[in-house]
Amino acid sequence: MPSRKRIAMTISLPPDIAQEYETIARTKGETKSQLFREMFNLYRQEKLEDEFYRLQKYGGKKAREMKLTENDIERLIFEGR
């Protein structure tokens, strides 16, 4: 896998949070950059899951409004693939 260019960023944290952040990274045996990337990826995953469930709820509401059965929905999904 080719090396990807990194961009350095600076963040400001209150001293107590900075200390805890450093402790967590040290305990996990990771650099602060690795820990940040992990946290960011978890955040991004959570946002994607939130969006999925929001769309799922919206789709369920629309299906009920249209009086679609589970079989109707399954048929529509597979027709669209």
PDB file of N, CA and C in Angstrom:
ATOM      1  N   MET A   1       0.854  -1.176   0.000  1.00  0.00           N
ATOM      2  CA  MET A   1       0.000   0.000   0.000  1.00  0.00           C
ATOM      3  C   MET A   1       0.898   1.237   0.000  1.00  0.00           C
ATOM      4  N   PRO A   2       0.649   2.188  -0.902  1.00  0.00           N
ATOM      5  CA  PRO A   2       1.482   3.376  -0.963  1.00  0.00           C
ATOM      6  C   PRO A   2       1.295   4.251   0.280  1.00  0.00           C
ATOM      7  N   SER A   3       2.358   4.953   0.643  1.00  0.00           N
ATOM      8  CA  SER A   3       2.301   5.848   1.792  1.00  0.00           C
ATOM      9  C   SER A   3       1.419   7.045   1.459  1.00  0.00           C
ATOM     10  N   ARG A   4       0.557   7.406   2.408  1.00  0.00           N
ATOM     11  CA  ARG A   4      -0.321   8.558   2.208  1.00  0.00           C
ATOM     12  C   ARG A   4       0.264   9.749   2.932  1.00  0.00           C
ATOM     13  N   LYS A   5       0.224  10.900   2.276  1.00  0.00           N
ATOM     14  CA  LYS A   5       0.749  12.119   2.874  1.00  0.00           C
ATOM     15  C   LYS A   5      -0.068  12.471   4.107  1.00  0.00           C
ATOM     16  N   ARG A   6       0.584  12.906   5.141  1.00  0.00           N
ATOM     17  CA  ARG A   6      -0.064  13.305   6.389  1.00  0.00           C
ATOM     18  C   ARG A   6      -0.068  14.821   6.480  1.00  0.00           C
ATOM     19  N   ILE A   7      -1.103  15.348   7.067  1.00  0.00           N
ATOM     20  CA  ILE A   7      -1.213  16.776   7.312  1.00  0.00           C
ATOM     21  C   ILE A   7      -1.219  16.982   8.817  1.00  0.00           C
ATOM     22  N   ALA A   8      -0.296  17.781   9.309  1.00  0.00           N
ATOM     23  CA  ALA A   8      -0.219  18.057  10.743  1.00  0.00           C
ATOM     24  C   ALA A   8      -1.303  19.065  11.122  1.00  0.00           C
ATOM     25  N   MET A   9      -1.957  18.807  12.252  1.00  0.00           N
ATOM     26  CA  MET A   9      -2.993  19.703  12.755  1.00  0.00           C
ATOM     27  C   MET A   9      -2.698  19.988  14.223  1.00  0.00           C
ATOM     28  N   THR A  10      -3.143  21.123  14.675  1.00  0.00           N
ATOM     29  CA  THR A  10      -2.968  21.488  16.073  1.00  0.00           C
ATOM     30  C   THR A  10      -4.341  21.647  16.701  1.00  0.00           C
ATOM     31  N   ILE A  11      -4.516  21.083  17.893  1.00  0.00           N
ATOM     32  CA  ILE A  11      -5.768  21.264  18.630  1.00  0.00           C
ATOM     33  C   ILE A  11      -5.439  21.794  20.019  1.00  0.00           C
ATOM     34  N   SER A  12      -6.389  22.486  20.596  1.00  0.00           N
ATOM     35  CA  SER A  12      -6.232  23.003  21.956  1.00  0.00           C
ATOM     36  C   SER A  12      -7.167  22.253  22.878  1.00  0.00           C
ATOM     37  N   LEU A  13      -6.640  21.807  24.022  1.00  0.00           N
ATOM     38  CA  LEU A  13      -7.435  21.090  25.012  1.00  0.00           C
ATOM     39  C   LEU A  13      -7.175  21.695  26.384  1.00  0.00           C
ATOM     40  N   PRO A  14      -8.178  21.670  27.238  1.00  0.00           N
ATOM     41  CA  PRO A  14      -7.916  22.064  28.628  1.00  0.00           C
ATOM     42  C   PRO A  14      -6.895  21.095  29.229  1.00  0.00           C
ATOM     43  N   PRO A  15      -6.101  21.564  30.188  1.00  0.00           N
ATOM     44  CA  PRO A  15      -5.036  20.721  30.748  1.00  0.00           C
ATOM     45  C   PRO A  15      -5.504  19.362  31.263  1.00  0.00           C
ATOM     46  N   ASP A  16      -6.652  19.308  31.924  1.00  0.00           N
ATOM     47  CA  ASP A  16      -7.110  18.022  32.472  1.00  0.00           C
ATOM     48  C   ASP A  16      -7.446  17.031  31.362  1.00  0.00           C
ATOM     49  N   ILE A  17      -8.061  17.507  30.302  1.00  0.00           N
ATOM     50  CA  ILE A  17      -8.394  16.624  29.178  1.00  0.00           C
ATOM     51  C   ILE A  17      -7.125  16.217  28.438  1.00  0.00           C
ATOM     52  N   ALA A  18      -6.188  17.150  28.273  1.00  0.00           N
ATOM     53  CA  ALA A  18      -4.924  16.832  27.601  1.00  0.00           C
ATOM     54  C   ALA A  18      -4.177  15.742  28.360  1.00  0.00           C
ATOM     55  N   GLN A  19      -4.156  15.848  29.682  1.00  0.00           N
ATOM     56  CA  GLN A  19      -3.467  14.848  30.505  1.00  0.00           C
ATOM     57  C   GLN A  19      -4.149  13.486  30.367  1.00  0.00           C
ATOM     58  N   GLU A  20      -5.468  13.488  30.413  1.00  0.00           N
ATOM     59  CA  GLU A  20      -6.200  12.222  30.277  1.00  0.00           C
ATOM     60  C   GLU A  20      -5.982  11.613  28.897  1.00  0.00           C
ATOM     61  N   TYR A  21      -5.981  12.451  27.875  1.00  0.00           N
ATOM     62  CA  TYR A  21      -5.752  12.005  26.501  1.00  0.00           C
ATOM     63  C   TYR A  21      -4.377  11.345  26.390  1.00  0.00           C
ATOM     64  N   GLU A  22      -3.350  11.994  26.933  1.00  0.00           N
ATOM     65  CA  GLU A  22      -2.002  11.433  26.900  1.00  0.00           C
ATOM     66  C   GLU A  22      -1.925  10.118  27.665  1.00  0.00           C
ATOM     67  N   THR A  23      -2.623  10.048  28.796  1.00  0.00           N
ATOM     68  CA  THR A  23      -2.642   8.817  29.593  1.00  0.00           C
ATOM     69  C   THR A  23      -3.297   7.679  28.818  1.00  0.00           C
ATOM     70  N   ILE A  24      -4.402   7.970  28.170  1.00  0.00           N
ATOM     71  CA  ILE A  24      -5.100   6.942  27.382  1.00  0.00           C
ATOM     72  C   ILE A  24      -4.192   6.437  26.264  1.00  0.00           C
ATOM     73  N   ALA A  25      -3.574   7.361  25.524  1.00  0.00           N
ATOM     74  CA  ALA A  25      -2.679   6.958  24.426  1.00  0.00           C
ATOM     75  C   ALA A  25      -1.542   6.091  24.957  1.00  0.00           C
ATOM     76  N   ARG A  26      -0.937   6.511  26.054  1.00  0.00           N
ATOM     77  CA  ARG A  26       0.191   5.763  26.638  1.00  0.00           C
ATOM     78  C   ARG A  26      -0.271   4.376  27.090  1.00  0.00           C
ATOM     79  N   THR A  27      -1.429   4.303  27.749  1.00  0.00           N
ATOM     80  CA  THR A  27      -1.964   3.036  28.236  1.00  0.00           C
ATOM     81  C   THR A  27      -2.251   2.078  27.075  1.00  0.00           C
ATOM     82  N   LYS A  28      -2.754   2.629  25.982  1.00  0.00           N
ATOM     83  CA  LYS A  28      -3.054   1.795  24.811  1.00  0.00           C
ATOM     84  C   LYS A  28      -1.802   1.471  24.002  1.00  0.00           C
ATOM     85  N   GLY A  29      -0.707   2.145  24.301  1.00  0.00           N
ATOM     86  CA  GLY A  29       0.519   1.926  23.539  1.00  0.00           C
ATOM     87  C   GLY A  29       0.436   2.539  22.157  1.00  0.00           C
ATOM     88  N   GLU A  30      -0.292   3.636  22.046  1.00  0.00           N
ATOM     89  CA  GLU A  30      -0.466   4.320  20.761  1.00  0.00           C
ATOM     90  C   GLU A  30       0.077   5.743  20.863  1.00  0.00           C
ATOM     91  N   THR A  31       0.374   6.306  19.713  1.00  0.00           N
ATOM     92  CA  THR A  31       0.721   7.722  19.702  1.00  0.00           C
ATOM     93  C   THR A  31      -0.574   8.522  19.829  1.00  0.00           C
ATOM     94  N   LYS A  32      -0.418   9.802  20.158  1.00  0.00           N
ATOM     95  CA  LYS A  32      -1.597  10.664  20.244  1.00  0.00           C
ATOM     96  C   LYS A  32      -2.270  10.775  18.875  1.00  0.00           C
ATOM     97  N   SER A  33      -1.484  10.751  17.813  1.00  0.00           N
ATOM     98  CA  SER A  33      -2.052  10.800  16.459  1.00  0.00           C
ATOM     99  C   SER A  33      -2.872   9.548  16.163  1.00  0.00           C
ATOM    100  N   GLN A  34      -2.332   8.388  16.548  1.00  0.00           N
ATOM    101  CA  GLN A  34      -3.075   7.142  16.328  1.00  0.00           C
ATOM    102  C   GLN A  34      -4.384   7.159  17.107  1.00  0.00           C
ATOM    103  N   LEU A  35      -4.323   7.614  18.352  1.00  0.00           N
ATOM    104  CA  LEU A  35      -5.530   7.675  19.168  1.00  0.00           C
ATOM    105  C   LEU A  35      -6.547   8.622  18.558  1.00  0.00           C
ATOM    106  N   PHE A  36      -6.090   9.765  18.065  1.00  0.00           N
ATOM    107  CA  PHE A  36      -7.016  10.712  17.437  1.00  0.00           C
ATOM    108  C   PHE A  36      -7.679  10.087  16.212  1.00  0.00           C
ATOM    109  N   ARG A  37      -6.889   9.425  15.369  1.00  0.00           N
ATOM    110  CA  ARG A  37      -7.463   8.782  14.166  1.00  0.00           C
ATOM    111  C   ARG A  37      -8.507   7.737  14.561  1.00  0.00           C
ATOM    112  N   GLU A  38      -8.197   6.967  15.597  1.00  0.00           N
ATOM    113  CA  GLU A  38      -9.152   5.958  16.074  1.00  0.00           C
ATOM    114  C   GLU A  38     -10.440   6.624  16.554  1.00  0.00           C
ATOM    115  N   MET A  39     -10.292   7.684  17.347  1.00  0.00           N
ATOM    116  CA  MET A  39     -11.469   8.393  17.854  1.00  0.00           C
ATOM    117  C   MET A  39     -12.278   9.000  16.712  1.00  0.00           C
ATOM    118  N   PHE A  40     -11.585   9.581  15.739  1.00  0.00           N
ATOM    119  CA  PHE A  40     -12.272  10.180  14.604  1.00  0.00           C
ATOM    120  C   PHE A  40     -13.024   9.125  13.810  1.00  0.00           C
ATOM    121  N   ASN A  41     -12.396   7.976  13.576  1.00  0.00           N
ATOM    122  CA  ASN A  41     -13.068   6.900  12.834  1.00  0.00           C
ATOM    123  C   ASN A  41     -14.294   6.386  13.584  1.00  0.00           C
ATOM    124  N   LEU A  42     -14.203   6.278  14.911  1.00  0.00           N
ATOM    125  CA  LEU A  42     -15.369   5.873  15.705  1.00  0.00           C
ATOM    126  C   LEU A  42     -16.490   6.911  15.596  1.00  0.00           C
ATOM    127  N   TYR A  43     -16.124   8.173  15.660  1.00  0.00           N
ATOM    128  CA  TYR A  43     -17.099   9.261  15.516  1.00  0.00           C
ATOM    129  C   TYR A  43     -17.782   9.184  14.154  1.00  0.00           C
ATOM    130  N   ARG A  44     -16.968   9.020  13.111  1.00  0.00           N
ATOM    131  CA  ARG A  44     -17.512   8.945  11.750  1.00  0.00           C
ATOM    132  C   ARG A  44     -18.447   7.741  11.610  1.00  0.00           C
ATOM    133  N   GLN A  45     -18.062   6.586  12.165  1.00  0.00           N
ATOM    134  CA  GLN A  45     -18.900   5.389  12.117  1.00  0.00           C
ATOM    135  C   GLN A  45     -20.229   5.629  12.828  1.00  0.00           C
ATOM    136  N   GLU A  46     -20.165   6.283  13.987  1.00  0.00           N
ATOM    137  CA  GLU A  46     -21.389   6.583  14.736  1.00  0.00           C
ATOM    138  C   GLU A  46     -22.316   7.480  13.934  1.00  0.00           C
ATOM    139  N   LYS A  47     -21.760   8.469  13.246  1.00  0.00           N
ATOM    140  CA  LYS A  47     -22.573   9.381  12.430  1.00  0.00           C
ATOM    141  C   LYS A  47     -23.210   8.622  11.264  1.00  0.00           C
ATOM    142  N   LEU A  48     -22.467   7.714  10.647  1.00  0.00           N
ATOM    143  CA  LEU A  48     -23.026   6.912   9.550  1.00  0.00           C
ATOM    144  C   LEU A  48     -24.162   6.017  10.050  1.00  0.00           C
ATOM    145  N   GLU A  49     -23.973   5.425  11.238  1.00  0.00           N
ATOM    146  CA  GLU A  49     -25.031   4.592  11.813  1.00  0.00           C
ATOM    147  C   GLU A  49     -26.264   5.431  12.143  1.00  0.00           C
ATOM    148  N   ASP A  50     -26.052   6.624  12.701  1.00  0.00           N
ATOM    149  CA  ASP A  50     -27.170   7.523  12.995  1.00  0.00           C
ATOM    150  C   ASP A  50     -27.953   7.842  11.723  1.00  0.00           C
ATOM    151  N   GLU A  51     -27.232   8.131  10.650  1.00  0.00           N
ATOM    152  CA  GLU A  51     -27.879   8.450   9.371  1.00  0.00           C
ATOM    153  C   GLU A  51     -28.635   7.235   8.837  1.00  0.00           C
ATOM    154  N   PHE A  52     -28.037   6.049   8.948  1.00  0.00           N
ATOM    155  CA  PHE A  52     -28.706   4.831   8.498  1.00  0.00           C
ATOM    156  C   PHE A  52     -30.026   4.638   9.242  1.00  0.00           C
ATOM    157  N   TYR A  53     -29.996   4.771  10.580  1.00  0.00           N
ATOM    158  CA  TYR A  53     -31.212   4.568  11.367  1.00  0.00           C
ATOM    159  C   TYR A  53     -32.247   5.660  11.101  1.00  0.00           C
ATOM    160  N   ARG A  54     -31.783   6.885  10.849  1.00  0.00           N
ATOM    161  CA  ARG A  54     -32.708   7.967  10.496  1.00  0.00           C
ATOM    162  C   ARG A  54     -33.415   7.652   9.178  1.00  0.00           C
ATOM    163  N   LEU A  55     -32.645   7.195   8.189  1.00  0.00           N
ATOM    164  CA  LEU A  55     -33.237   6.838   6.903  1.00  0.00           C
ATOM    165  C   LEU A  55     -34.134   5.612   7.025  1.00  0.00           C
ATOM    166  N   GLN A  56     -33.733   4.661   7.859  1.00  0.00           N
ATOM    167  CA  GLN A  56     -34.546   3.464   8.076  1.00  0.00           C
ATOM    168  C   GLN A  56     -35.893   3.855   8.698  1.00  0.00           C
ATOM    169  N   LYS A  57     -35.870   4.747   9.668  1.00  0.00           N
ATOM    170  CA  LYS A  57     -37.099   5.211  10.314  1.00  0.00           C
ATOM    171  C   LYS A  57     -37.983   5.946   9.306  1.00  0.00           C
ATOM    172  N   TYR A  58     -37.366   6.796   8.494  1.00  0.00           N
ATOM    173  CA  TYR A  58     -38.103   7.520   7.454  1.00  0.00           C
ATOM    174  C   TYR A  58     -38.738   6.540   6.460  1.00  0.00           C
ATOM    175  N   GLY A  59     -37.952   5.548   6.030  1.00  0.00           N
ATOM    176  CA  GLY A  59     -38.467   4.553   5.080  1.00  0.00           C
ATOM    177  C   GLY A  59     -39.613   3.757   5.673  1.00  0.00           C
ATOM    178  N   GLY A  60     -39.491   3.400   6.962  1.00  0.00           N
ATOM    179  CA  GLY A  60     -40.574   2.666   7.625  1.00  0.00           C
ATOM    180  C   GLY A  60     -41.847   3.486   7.685  1.00  0.00           C
ATOM    181  N   LYS A  61     -41.700   4.766   7.987  1.00  0.00           N
ATOM    182  CA  LYS A  61     -42.864   5.661   8.055  1.00  0.00           C
ATOM    183  C   LYS A  61     -43.535   5.756   6.682  1.00  0.00           C
ATOM    184  N   LYS A  62     -42.726   5.940   5.634  1.00  0.00           N
ATOM    185  CA  LYS A  62     -43.282   6.042   4.278  1.00  0.00           C
ATOM    186  C   LYS A  62     -43.946   4.731   3.861  1.00  0.00           C
ATOM    187  N   ALA A  63     -43.346   3.597   4.210  1.00  0.00           N
ATOM    188  CA  ALA A  63     -43.921   2.295   3.859  1.00  0.00           C
ATOM    189  C   ALA A  63     -45.280   2.120   4.529  1.00  0.00           C
ATOM    190  N   ARG A  64     -45.378   2.535   5.801  1.00  0.00           N
ATOM    191  CA  ARG A  64     -46.675   2.446   6.495  1.00  0.00           C
ATOM    192  C   ARG A  64     -47.709   3.361   5.848  1.00  0.00           C
ATOM    193  N   GLU A  65     -47.276   4.569   5.476  1.00  0.00           N
ATOM    194  CA  GLU A  65     -48.195   5.506   4.814  1.00  0.00           C
ATOM    195  C   GLU A  65     -48.709   4.927   3.503  1.00  0.00           C
ATOM    196  N   MET A  66     -47.846   4.204   2.797  1.00  0.00           N
ATOM    197  CA  MET A  66     -48.225   3.621   1.505  1.00  0.00           C
ATOM    198  C   MET A  66     -48.851   2.238   1.665  1.00  0.00           C
ATOM    199  N   LYS A  67     -48.955   1.775   2.921  1.00  0.00           N
ATOM    200  CA  LYS A  67     -49.536   0.468   3.240  1.00  0.00           C
ATOM    201  C   LYS A  67     -48.816  -0.673   2.517  1.00  0.00           C
ATOM    202  N   LEU A  68     -47.484  -0.589   2.492  1.00  0.00           N
ATOM    203  CA  LEU A  68     -46.677  -1.625   1.861  1.00  0.00           C
ATOM    204  C   LEU A  68     -46.425  -2.749   2.854  1.00  0.00           C
ATOM    205  N   THR A  69     -46.434  -3.966   2.372  1.00  0.00           N
ATOM    206  CA  THR A  69     -46.097  -5.114   3.212  1.00  0.00           C
ATOM    207  C   THR A  69     -44.586  -5.339   3.153  1.00  0.00           C
ATOM    208  N   GLU A  70     -44.092  -6.217   4.028  1.00  0.00           N
ATOM    209  CA  GLU A  70     -42.663  -6.558   3.990  1.00  0.00           C
ATOM    210  C   GLU A  70     -42.302  -7.178   2.648  1.00  0.00           C
ATOM    211  N   ASN A  71     -43.211  -7.974   2.092  1.00  0.00           N
ATOM    212  CA  ASN A  71     -42.957  -8.581   0.779  1.00  0.00           C
ATOM    213  C   ASN A  71     -42.859  -7.508  -0.301  1.00  0.00           C
ATOM    214  N   ASP A  72     -43.724  -6.491  -0.227  1.00  0.00           N
ATOM    215  CA  ASP A  72     -43.662  -5.388  -1.192  1.00  0.00           C
ATOM    216  C   ASP A  72     -42.304  -4.688  -1.120  1.00  0.00           C
ATOM    217  N   ILE A  73     -41.871  -4.436   0.099  1.00  0.00           N
ATOM    218  CA  ILE A  73     -40.605  -3.723   0.307  1.00  0.00           C
ATOM    219  C   ILE A  73     -39.441  -4.555  -0.211  1.00  0.00           C
ATOM    220  N   GLU A  74     -39.441  -5.845   0.125  1.00  0.00           N
ATOM    221  CA  GLU A  74     -38.372  -6.728  -0.347  1.00  0.00           C
ATOM    222  C   GLU A  74     -38.342  -6.772  -1.870  1.00  0.00           C
ATOM    223  N   ARG A  75     -39.519  -6.865  -2.488  1.00  0.00           N
ATOM    224  CA  ARG A  75     -39.581  -6.897  -3.957  1.00  0.00           C
ATOM    225  C   ARG A  75     -39.024  -5.603  -4.540  1.00  0.00           C
ATOM    226  N   LEU A  76     -39.388  -4.459  -3.968  1.00  0.00           N
ATOM    227  CA  LEU A  76     -38.893  -3.174  -4.460  1.00  0.00           C
ATOM    228  C   LEU A  76     -37.380  -3.046  -4.300  1.00  0.00           C
ATOM    229  N   ILE A  77     -36.863  -3.532  -3.194  1.00  0.00           N
ATOM    230  CA  ILE A  77     -35.420  -3.471  -2.974  1.00  0.00           C
ATOM    231  C   ILE A  77     -34.688  -4.273  -4.030  1.00  0.00           C
ATOM    232  N   PHE A  78     -35.153  -5.501  -4.277  1.00  0.00           N
ATOM    233  CA  PHE A  78     -34.447  -6.349  -5.234  1.00  0.00           C
ATOM    234  C   PHE A  78     -34.665  -5.904  -6.674  1.00  0.00           C
ATOM    235  N   GLU A  79     -35.780  -5.228  -6.957  1.00  0.00           N
ATOM    236  CA  GLU A  79     -35.987  -4.684  -8.306  1.00  0.00           C
ATOM    237  C   GLU A  79     -34.993  -3.569  -8.572  1.00  0.00           C
ATOM    238  N   GLY A  80     -34.657  -2.812  -7.540  1.00  0.00           N
ATOM    239  CA  GLY A  80     -33.756  -1.684  -7.704  1.00  0.00           C
ATOM    240  C   GLY A  80     -32.287  -2.050  -7.782  1.00  0.00           C
ATOM    241  N   ARG A  81     -31.966  -3.303  -7.544  1.00  0.00           N
ATOM    242  CA  ARG A  81     -30.543  -3.714  -7.573  1.00  0.00           C
ATOM    243  C   ARG A  81     -30.097  -4.104  -8.952  1.00  0.00           C
TER     244      ARG A  81
END
